[in-house]
Amino acid sequence: MICRVCDSNRLTLAVDLGTQPWANHFLKPAEVGHEPVYPLTVVLCEECGTAQLDYTVPKETMFADHTYLSGTTKTLGDHFQAVAEAVDRRYFANRSEKAMLDIGSNDGTQLRQYRDLGYEILGVEPAKLPSDLANAAGLTTVRAFFDERTARDLKKTFEVINASGVFFHLEELHSVTEGIRACLAPDGVFVIQFLYMKRIVENDAFDQIYHEHLLYYNVRTLDRLLRRHGLALSDAELSPIHGGSIVAHATHLDRAVPSARLQAFVAAEDAAGANTLPWYRAFGERIAQRRSKNRAYLDACKKAGRRVFGLGAPVKGNTLLNYYGIGPDLIECLVERNVHRRGLTAPGSHIPVRIEDEIAEAPDVYYVLAWNFKKEILARYADLIARGVEFYFPVNPKDA
């Protein structure tokens, strides 16, 4: 393959997580044991420094029946509201007519925030469940994959274009980016919210690597992509959401003036060697050590007769379970709030998913797969903690 960002063929193995099923393919009973598997390997482009997967599961497979919902957690809803208010206050608070486009708008959680600030809103979302939920709530959403053709069909420009947790999913990366450029008003701002690869590596949060995430950006590498399409970053801020994400602002290239904090991010990446092969190789060695530690912990729980449930059934949890080789012999079930995963089974590990209302008795240990909502979880389950239930976090992020 060639680099997804710069077309170089100088790609080198960085992190190998083995062969795994597509992590969001939660299984119906008849599918258990029959799920397809794919390589889950990160390579590094030694030309532009972008980390990326070297195998693509087709987007039609991954997103048509996507069951992830943005509105499930209060933490994420609060984050989206803060982002919308900050963007509006900084750029368009005094404008009476303004429009916002959300790419990969999911159930419309972010759309709602902008609508309430007076924006004309439009979402583009390929998955049926979240797009249906958004439209049912009056949040206008087109069910489609966004690309250059979709952008032309809209025949409109937008003061704000948002992409929350989707810009690293893109199989047709350059078509999508060109479509964004075409839809962005001359003085518009493109808000890109993405998992920050530097922080993923610092947290050893390898579970955020899965087949939906084709690219793993740092600030420098994202800016290189945008500049190829006449856009450029103008600002960036580190948010604690998902264990450390960047909320970046981009504009048309001729209007881009990099902020001091954007320049500070780039300088820090360069100082750490965050876009180099040794950085990633050391990361791979650390997560192999974590695998041994976590297996030893769960084996000890089993030997002591302690019941262990997983807390949450996030997509990333399946990367962790499958890389660690954890199954229902060690974790009895995954306790989930998203009712659309009722009756399903985690791919690869074959651990059954149970919805919270199905749990009659707490376990001895909750093995927290949804670790990125650590503060919210510890507050919500304070009564269980007081009763002696242990909450074990396999990843302890700096920012969760």
Protein backbone atom coordinates (compact mmCIF):
# COMPACT_ATOMS: atom_id res chain seq x y z
CA MET A 1 0.00 0.00 0.00
CA ILE A 2 0.90 3.66 -0.11
CA CYS A 3 0.54 6.16 2.72
CA ARG A 4 -3.06 7.28 3.17
CA VAL A 5 -1.89 10.88 3.69
CA CYS A 6 1.10 11.57 1.41
CA ASP A 7 1.19 8.59 -1.03
CA SER A 8 4.69 7.53 0.02
CA ASN A 9 5.55 3.83 -0.05
CA ARG A 10 7.97 4.16 2.90
CA LEU A 11 5.77 2.32 5.38
CA THR A 12 7.28 0.34 8.26
CA LEU A 13 5.68 -1.97 10.83
CA ALA A 14 5.14 -0.11 14.12
CA VAL A 15 2.64 -2.08 16.26
CA ASP A 16 1.22 -5.56 15.62
CA LEU A 17 -1.95 -6.50 17.52
CA GLY A 18 -2.41 -9.76 15.66
CA THR A 19 -5.46 -10.93 13.74
CA GLN A 20 -8.77 -9.74 15.18
CA PRO A 21 -12.45 -9.48 14.25
CA TRP A 22 -13.91 -6.12 13.38
CA ALA A 23 -14.39 -4.78 16.90
CA ASN A 24 -17.86 -3.28 16.45
CA HIS A 25 -19.31 -6.51 15.08
CA PHE A 26 -21.20 -7.49 18.22
CA LEU A 27 -22.56 -10.93 17.46
CA LYS A 28 -26.07 -12.31 17.27
CA PRO A 29 -26.35 -15.88 18.61
CA ALA A 30 -26.06 -17.52 15.19
CA GLU A 31 -22.91 -15.52 14.39
CA VAL A 32 -20.86 -16.57 17.42
CA GLY A 33 -17.75 -18.38 16.24
CA HIS A 34 -18.29 -17.43 12.61
CA GLU A 35 -17.10 -13.82 12.65
CA PRO A 36 -14.40 -12.94 10.06
CA VAL A 37 -11.00 -11.73 11.26
CA TYR A 38 -8.53 -9.27 9.76
CA PRO A 39 -4.96 -8.09 10.41
CA LEU A 40 -4.76 -5.32 13.01
CA THR A 41 -1.36 -3.83 12.25
CA VAL A 42 -0.16 -0.23 12.55
CA VAL A 43 2.47 0.98 10.11
CA LEU A 44 4.30 4.29 10.19
CA CYS A 45 4.95 6.43 7.14
CA GLU A 46 8.57 7.46 7.40
CA GLU A 47 7.93 10.30 4.95
CA CYS A 48 5.12 12.21 6.73
CA GLY A 49 5.10 10.46 10.13
CA THR A 50 1.47 9.33 10.02
CA ALA A 51 0.56 6.11 11.85
CA GLN A 52 -2.11 4.10 10.05
CA LEU A 53 -3.55 0.63 9.54
CA ASP A 54 -2.25 -1.37 6.61
CA TYR A 55 -5.56 -3.18 6.08
CA THR A 56 -8.97 -1.67 5.32
CA VAL A 57 -12.24 -3.34 6.26
CA PRO A 58 -14.76 -1.82 3.79
CA LYS A 59 -16.72 1.10 5.23
CA GLU A 60 -19.98 -0.50 4.11
CA THR A 61 -19.20 -3.45 6.41
CA MET A 62 -18.29 -1.30 9.39
CA PHE A 63 -20.78 1.56 9.37
CA ALA A 64 -24.09 0.53 7.79
CA ASP A 65 -25.36 -1.11 11.00
CA HIS A 66 -23.25 0.81 13.50
CA THR A 67 -24.77 0.72 17.01
CA TYR A 68 -22.57 3.28 18.80
CA LEU A 69 -24.57 6.24 20.11
CA SER A 70 -22.99 9.56 21.13
CA GLY A 71 -25.77 10.38 23.56
CA THR A 72 -25.22 7.38 25.84
CA THR A 73 -22.89 9.18 28.26
CA LYS A 74 -23.38 12.53 29.97
CA THR A 75 -19.63 13.22 29.78
CA LEU A 76 -19.68 13.24 25.98
CA GLY A 77 -22.83 15.34 25.80
CA ASP A 78 -21.32 17.93 28.13
CA HIS A 79 -18.13 17.95 26.07
CA PHE A 80 -20.03 18.55 22.82
CA GLN A 81 -21.94 21.40 24.38
CA ALA A 82 -18.74 23.06 25.59
CA VAL A 83 -17.17 22.73 22.14
CA ALA A 84 -20.18 24.24 20.39
CA GLU A 85 -20.41 27.16 22.80
CA ALA A 86 -16.69 27.89 22.51
CA VAL A 87 -16.72 27.81 18.71
CA ASP A 88 -19.78 30.03 18.48
CA ARG A 89 -18.49 32.51 21.06
CA ARG A 90 -15.11 32.79 19.33
CA TYR A 91 -16.20 33.08 15.71
CA PHE A 92 -19.91 33.63 15.05
CA ALA A 93 -21.72 34.87 18.16
CA ASN A 94 -22.77 38.12 16.48
CA ARG A 95 -23.93 36.57 13.22
CA SER A 96 -27.69 36.22 12.77
CA GLU A 97 -27.57 33.67 9.93
CA LYS A 98 -25.18 30.77 10.29
CA ALA A 99 -25.13 27.13 9.30
CA MET A 100 -23.40 24.04 10.68
CA LEU A 101 -22.64 20.71 9.00
CA ASP A 102 -21.78 17.66 11.12
CA ILE A 103 -19.97 14.84 9.32
CA GLY A 104 -20.60 11.47 10.92
CA SER A 105 -23.28 13.13 13.04
CA ASN A 106 -24.40 9.90 14.76
CA ASP A 107 -27.56 10.41 16.85
CA GLY A 108 -27.39 14.19 16.50
CA THR A 109 -25.97 14.98 19.93
CA GLN A 110 -23.61 17.63 18.53
CA LEU A 111 -26.20 18.90 16.04
CA ARG A 112 -28.56 19.66 18.90
CA GLN A 113 -25.98 21.85 20.61
CA TYR A 114 -25.51 24.03 17.53
CA ARG A 115 -29.25 24.20 16.79
CA ASP A 116 -29.79 25.56 20.27
CA LEU A 117 -27.21 28.27 19.50
CA GLY A 118 -29.22 29.45 16.48
CA TYR A 119 -27.54 27.54 13.66
CA GLU A 120 -29.25 25.97 10.70
CA ILE A 121 -28.05 22.37 11.06
CA LEU A 122 -27.47 19.39 8.82
CA GLY A 123 -25.96 16.03 9.67
CA VAL A 124 -24.50 13.42 7.35
CA GLU A 125 -24.45 9.93 8.88
CA PRO A 126 -24.18 6.56 7.08
CA ALA A 127 -25.48 4.28 9.86
CA LYS A 128 -29.21 3.56 9.97
CA LEU A 129 -29.87 3.41 13.72
CA PRO A 130 -28.27 6.73 14.77
CA SER A 131 -29.50 8.61 11.69
CA ASP A 132 -33.06 7.39 12.29
CA LEU A 133 -32.84 8.46 15.95
CA ALA A 134 -31.56 11.91 14.95
CA ASN A 135 -34.29 12.49 12.38
CA ALA A 136 -36.94 11.28 14.83
CA ALA A 137 -35.67 13.97 17.22
CA GLY A 138 -36.02 16.66 14.54
CA LEU A 139 -32.26 16.89 13.87
CA THR A 140 -32.09 16.90 10.07
CA THR A 141 -29.73 14.13 8.98
CA VAL A 142 -28.92 12.75 5.54
CA ARG A 143 -28.08 9.06 5.57
CA ALA A 144 -24.95 8.90 3.40
CA PHE A 145 -21.19 8.63 3.41
CA PHE A 146 -19.78 12.13 3.10
CA ASP A 147 -17.36 12.68 0.22
CA GLU A 148 -16.70 15.14 -2.58
CA ARG A 149 -19.82 14.06 -4.46
CA THR A 150 -22.02 14.45 -1.36
CA ALA A 151 -20.55 17.92 -0.86
CA ARG A 152 -21.48 18.95 -4.41
CA ASP A 153 -25.02 17.64 -3.93
CA LEU A 154 -25.51 19.81 -0.84
CA LYS A 155 -24.97 22.97 -2.92
CA LYS A 156 -24.34 25.00 0.21
CA THR A 157 -21.52 26.33 2.36
CA PHE A 158 -21.34 26.27 6.14
CA GLU A 159 -19.78 28.57 8.71
CA VAL A 160 -18.98 25.55 10.91
CA ILE A 161 -18.16 22.04 9.74
CA ASN A 162 -17.68 19.51 12.52
CA ALA A 163 -16.12 16.05 12.49
CA SER A 164 -16.18 14.42 15.94
CA GLY A 165 -14.30 11.16 16.16
CA VAL A 166 -14.71 10.38 12.49
CA PHE A 167 -11.82 11.99 10.63
CA PHE A 168 -9.58 9.02 11.39
CA HIS A 169 -12.19 6.59 10.00
CA LEU A 170 -12.00 7.73 6.42
CA GLU A 171 -11.38 5.18 3.70
CA GLU A 172 -11.81 7.89 1.03
CA LEU A 173 -9.73 10.40 2.94
CA HIS A 174 -8.84 12.80 0.15
CA SER A 175 -12.33 12.89 -1.36
CA VAL A 176 -13.80 13.71 2.05
CA THR A 177 -11.22 16.41 2.76
CA GLU A 178 -11.80 17.98 -0.63
CA GLY A 179 -15.55 17.91 0.05
CA ILE A 180 -14.99 19.73 3.33
CA ARG A 181 -12.93 22.42 1.58
CA ALA A 182 -15.74 22.88 -0.96
CA CYS A 183 -18.44 23.18 1.73
CA LEU A 184 -16.54 25.47 4.10
CA ALA A 185 -17.59 29.13 3.90
CA PRO A 186 -14.74 31.53 3.02
CA ASP A 187 -14.46 32.59 6.68
CA GLY A 188 -15.64 29.26 8.05
CA VAL A 189 -14.01 26.99 10.61
CA PHE A 190 -13.59 23.24 10.38
CA VAL A 191 -13.67 21.69 13.88
CA ILE A 192 -11.85 18.36 13.99
CA GLN A 193 -12.12 16.27 17.16
CA PHE A 194 -9.79 13.30 17.15
CA LEU A 195 -8.00 10.87 19.43
CA TYR A 196 -4.53 12.30 19.96
CA MET A 197 -1.98 9.65 19.07
CA LYS A 198 0.70 11.19 21.25
CA ARG A 199 -1.59 10.80 24.25
CA ILE A 200 -2.68 7.28 23.19
CA VAL A 201 0.98 6.24 23.27
CA GLU A 202 1.66 8.04 26.56
CA ASN A 203 -1.36 6.27 28.14
CA ASP A 204 -0.48 2.89 26.57
CA ALA A 205 -4.11 3.02 25.39
CA PHE A 206 -3.59 0.57 22.54
CA ASP A 207 -7.26 -0.47 22.70
CA GLN A 208 -8.09 2.71 20.79
CA ILE A 209 -6.52 0.98 17.79
CA TYR A 210 -9.18 -0.94 15.87
CA HIS A 211 -10.31 -1.41 12.29
CA GLU A 212 -12.64 1.59 12.20
CA HIS A 213 -9.68 3.83 13.05
CA LEU A 214 -7.64 3.78 9.87
CA LEU A 215 -5.42 6.74 10.83
CA TYR A 216 -3.82 7.93 14.08
CA TYR A 217 -3.08 11.65 13.95
CA ASN A 218 -0.75 13.92 15.75
CA VAL A 219 -1.10 17.67 15.19
CA ARG A 220 1.80 17.80 12.74
CA THR A 221 0.55 14.91 10.61
CA LEU A 222 -3.05 16.18 10.45
CA ASP A 223 -1.87 19.59 9.32
CA ARG A 224 0.11 17.99 6.52
CA LEU A 225 -3.03 16.28 5.23
CA LEU A 226 -5.11 19.46 5.39
CA ARG A 227 -2.51 21.55 3.55
CA ARG A 228 -2.64 19.11 0.66
CA HIS A 229 -6.26 20.23 0.20
CA GLY A 230 -5.99 23.98 0.68
CA LEU A 231 -6.80 23.93 4.40
CA ALA A 232 -4.58 24.32 7.47
CA LEU A 233 -4.78 24.16 11.23
CA SER A 234 -5.05 27.45 13.08
CA ASP A 235 -5.51 26.24 16.67
CA ALA A 236 -5.61 23.10 18.83
CA GLU A 237 -6.64 22.28 22.37
CA LEU A 238 -6.21 19.09 24.40
CA SER A 239 -9.46 17.79 25.87
CA PRO A 240 -9.74 15.00 28.46
CA ILE A 241 -12.51 13.29 26.47
CA HIS A 242 -11.70 9.67 25.56
CA GLY A 243 -8.49 9.80 27.58
CA GLY A 244 -6.98 12.66 25.59
CA SER A 245 -8.37 14.14 22.38
CA ILE A 246 -7.50 17.17 20.32
CA VAL A 247 -10.14 19.71 19.37
CA ALA A 248 -8.54 21.43 16.41
CA HIS A 249 -9.69 24.36 14.30
CA ALA A 250 -8.83 24.61 10.62
CA THR A 251 -9.52 27.28 8.02
CA HIS A 252 -8.86 27.84 4.36
CA LEU A 253 -5.10 27.94 3.87
CA ASP A 254 -4.96 31.61 2.92
CA ARG A 255 -6.58 32.56 6.26
CA ALA A 256 -4.63 30.21 8.53
CA VAL A 257 -2.52 31.85 11.23
CA PRO A 258 -1.16 29.24 13.68
CA SER A 259 -1.82 30.04 17.32
CA ALA A 260 0.88 29.87 19.97
CA ARG A 261 -0.63 26.74 21.51
CA LEU A 262 -0.81 25.03 18.11
CA GLN A 263 2.89 25.72 17.64
CA ALA A 264 3.52 24.40 21.18
CA PHE A 265 1.85 21.09 20.33
CA VAL A 266 4.05 20.67 17.27
CA ALA A 267 7.18 21.53 19.23
CA ALA A 268 6.29 19.03 21.96
CA GLU A 269 5.69 16.29 19.39
CA ASP A 270 9.05 16.96 17.80
CA ALA A 271 10.83 16.99 21.15
CA ALA A 272 9.29 13.63 22.12
CA GLY A 273 9.95 12.00 18.77
CA ALA A 274 6.21 11.32 18.59
CA ASN A 275 6.19 10.81 14.83
CA THR A 276 9.14 8.43 14.69
CA LEU A 277 9.55 4.66 14.62
CA PRO A 278 11.42 4.29 17.97
CA TRP A 279 8.50 5.99 19.76
CA TYR A 280 6.08 3.38 18.40
CA ARG A 281 8.38 0.41 18.92
CA ALA A 282 8.71 1.31 22.63
CA PHE A 283 4.91 1.58 22.80
CA GLY A 284 4.58 -1.95 21.44
CA GLU A 285 6.97 -3.30 24.06
CA ARG A 286 5.03 -1.65 26.90
CA ILE A 287 1.65 -3.00 25.86
CA ALA A 288 3.07 -6.53 25.67
CA GLN A 289 4.12 -6.10 29.31
CA ARG A 290 0.62 -4.85 30.18
CA ARG A 291 -0.84 -8.00 28.65
CA SER A 292 1.15 -10.16 31.07
CA LYS A 293 0.15 -8.00 34.05
CA ASN A 294 -3.56 -8.04 33.23
CA ARG A 295 -3.66 -11.76 32.56
CA ALA A 296 -1.95 -12.41 35.89
CA TYR A 297 -4.51 -10.21 37.69
CA LEU A 298 -7.51 -11.97 36.12
CA ASP A 299 -5.99 -15.41 36.67
CA ALA A 300 -5.55 -14.53 40.36
CA CYS A 301 -9.19 -13.41 40.57
CA LYS A 302 -10.32 -16.70 39.08
CA LYS A 303 -8.13 -18.73 41.44
CA ALA A 304 -9.55 -16.80 44.41
CA GLY A 305 -13.14 -17.42 43.28
CA ARG A 306 -13.87 -13.73 42.64
CA ARG A 307 -16.57 -13.00 40.02
CA VAL A 308 -15.41 -10.49 37.41
CA PHE A 309 -17.73 -8.57 35.07
CA GLY A 310 -16.58 -6.18 32.37
CA LEU A 311 -17.96 -2.65 32.73
CA GLY A 312 -19.03 -1.30 29.37
CA ALA A 313 -18.95 -2.92 25.96
CA PRO A 314 -17.11 -0.23 24.00
CA VAL A 315 -15.65 -1.07 20.62
CA LYS A 316 -12.14 -0.48 21.91
CA GLY A 317 -12.72 -3.03 24.66
CA ASN A 318 -12.75 -5.77 22.05
CA THR A 319 -9.25 -4.86 20.90
CA LEU A 320 -8.06 -5.20 24.49
CA LEU A 321 -9.91 -8.45 25.20
CA ASN A 322 -8.69 -10.10 22.02
CA TYR A 323 -5.07 -8.92 22.30
CA TYR A 324 -4.96 -10.07 25.92
CA GLY A 325 -6.68 -13.37 25.08
CA ILE A 326 -9.48 -12.84 27.62
CA GLY A 327 -12.67 -14.88 27.36
CA PRO A 328 -15.75 -15.80 29.43
CA ASP A 329 -13.62 -18.06 31.62
CA LEU A 330 -12.09 -14.90 33.11
CA ILE A 331 -14.80 -12.25 32.59
CA GLU A 332 -18.35 -13.51 33.00
CA CYS A 333 -20.15 -10.80 31.02
CA LEU A 334 -19.90 -7.20 29.81
CA VAL A 335 -22.36 -4.84 31.51
CA GLU A 336 -23.56 -2.17 29.08
CA ARG A 337 -26.00 0.78 29.13
CA ASN A 338 -26.66 0.85 25.35
CA VAL A 339 -29.89 -1.18 25.04
CA HIS A 340 -29.24 -1.81 21.36
CA ARG A 341 -26.55 -4.32 22.37
CA ARG A 342 -28.97 -6.44 24.39
CA GLY A 343 -28.55 -10.16 23.68
CA LEU A 344 -25.33 -9.72 21.72
CA THR A 345 -21.88 -11.23 22.26
CA ALA A 346 -18.46 -9.56 22.01
CA PRO A 347 -16.60 -10.58 18.85
CA GLY A 348 -13.56 -12.78 19.28
CA SER A 349 -13.73 -13.13 23.05
CA HIS A 350 -17.34 -14.40 22.95
CA ILE A 351 -18.15 -12.74 26.27
CA PRO A 352 -21.93 -12.10 26.47
CA VAL A 353 -23.23 -8.54 26.76
CA ARG A 354 -25.75 -7.84 29.51
CA ILE A 355 -27.70 -4.59 29.88
CA GLU A 356 -27.59 -2.97 33.31
CA ASP A 357 -31.22 -3.82 34.05
CA GLU A 358 -30.38 -7.52 33.67
CA ILE A 359 -27.82 -7.50 36.51
CA ALA A 360 -29.40 -8.62 39.76
CA GLU A 361 -26.23 -8.87 41.82
CA ALA A 362 -22.94 -6.97 41.58
CA PRO A 363 -19.74 -8.94 40.99
CA ASP A 364 -16.65 -8.83 43.16
CA VAL A 365 -14.75 -6.93 40.47
CA TYR A 366 -15.71 -4.67 37.59
CA TYR A 367 -13.00 -4.75 34.95
CA VAL A 368 -13.58 -1.34 33.40
CA LEU A 369 -13.37 -1.38 29.60
CA ALA A 370 -15.03 2.05 29.34
CA TRP A 371 -12.04 3.54 31.19
CA ASN A 372 -12.24 6.80 29.26
CA PHE A 373 -15.25 7.77 31.41
CA LYS A 374 -13.42 7.02 34.66
CA LYS A 375 -14.63 10.04 36.66
CA GLU A 376 -18.24 9.55 35.61
CA ILE A 377 -18.08 5.81 36.41
CA LEU A 378 -16.55 6.29 39.87
CA ALA A 379 -19.22 8.86 40.71
CA ARG A 380 -22.09 6.74 39.36
CA TYR A 381 -21.06 3.59 41.20
CA ALA A 382 -19.90 5.17 44.47
CA ASP A 383 -22.37 3.03 46.41
CA LEU A 384 -20.91 -0.20 44.99
CA ILE A 385 -17.39 0.97 45.77
CA ALA A 386 -18.49 1.69 49.35
CA ARG A 387 -19.82 -1.88 49.55
CA GLY A 388 -16.43 -3.27 48.55
CA VAL A 389 -16.83 -3.89 44.81
CA GLU A 390 -13.44 -3.36 43.15
CA PHE A 391 -13.23 -1.28 39.96
CA TYR A 392 -10.11 -2.30 38.06
CA PHE A 393 -8.93 -0.01 35.26
CA PRO A 394 -6.74 -1.80 32.69
CA VAL A 395 -5.83 1.63 31.28
CA ASN A 396 -5.30 4.62 33.59
CA PRO A 397 -5.24 7.70 31.37
CA LYS A 398 -3.77 11.00 32.39
CA ASP A 399 -6.88 12.90 31.32
CA ALA A 400 -9.98 10.72 31.82
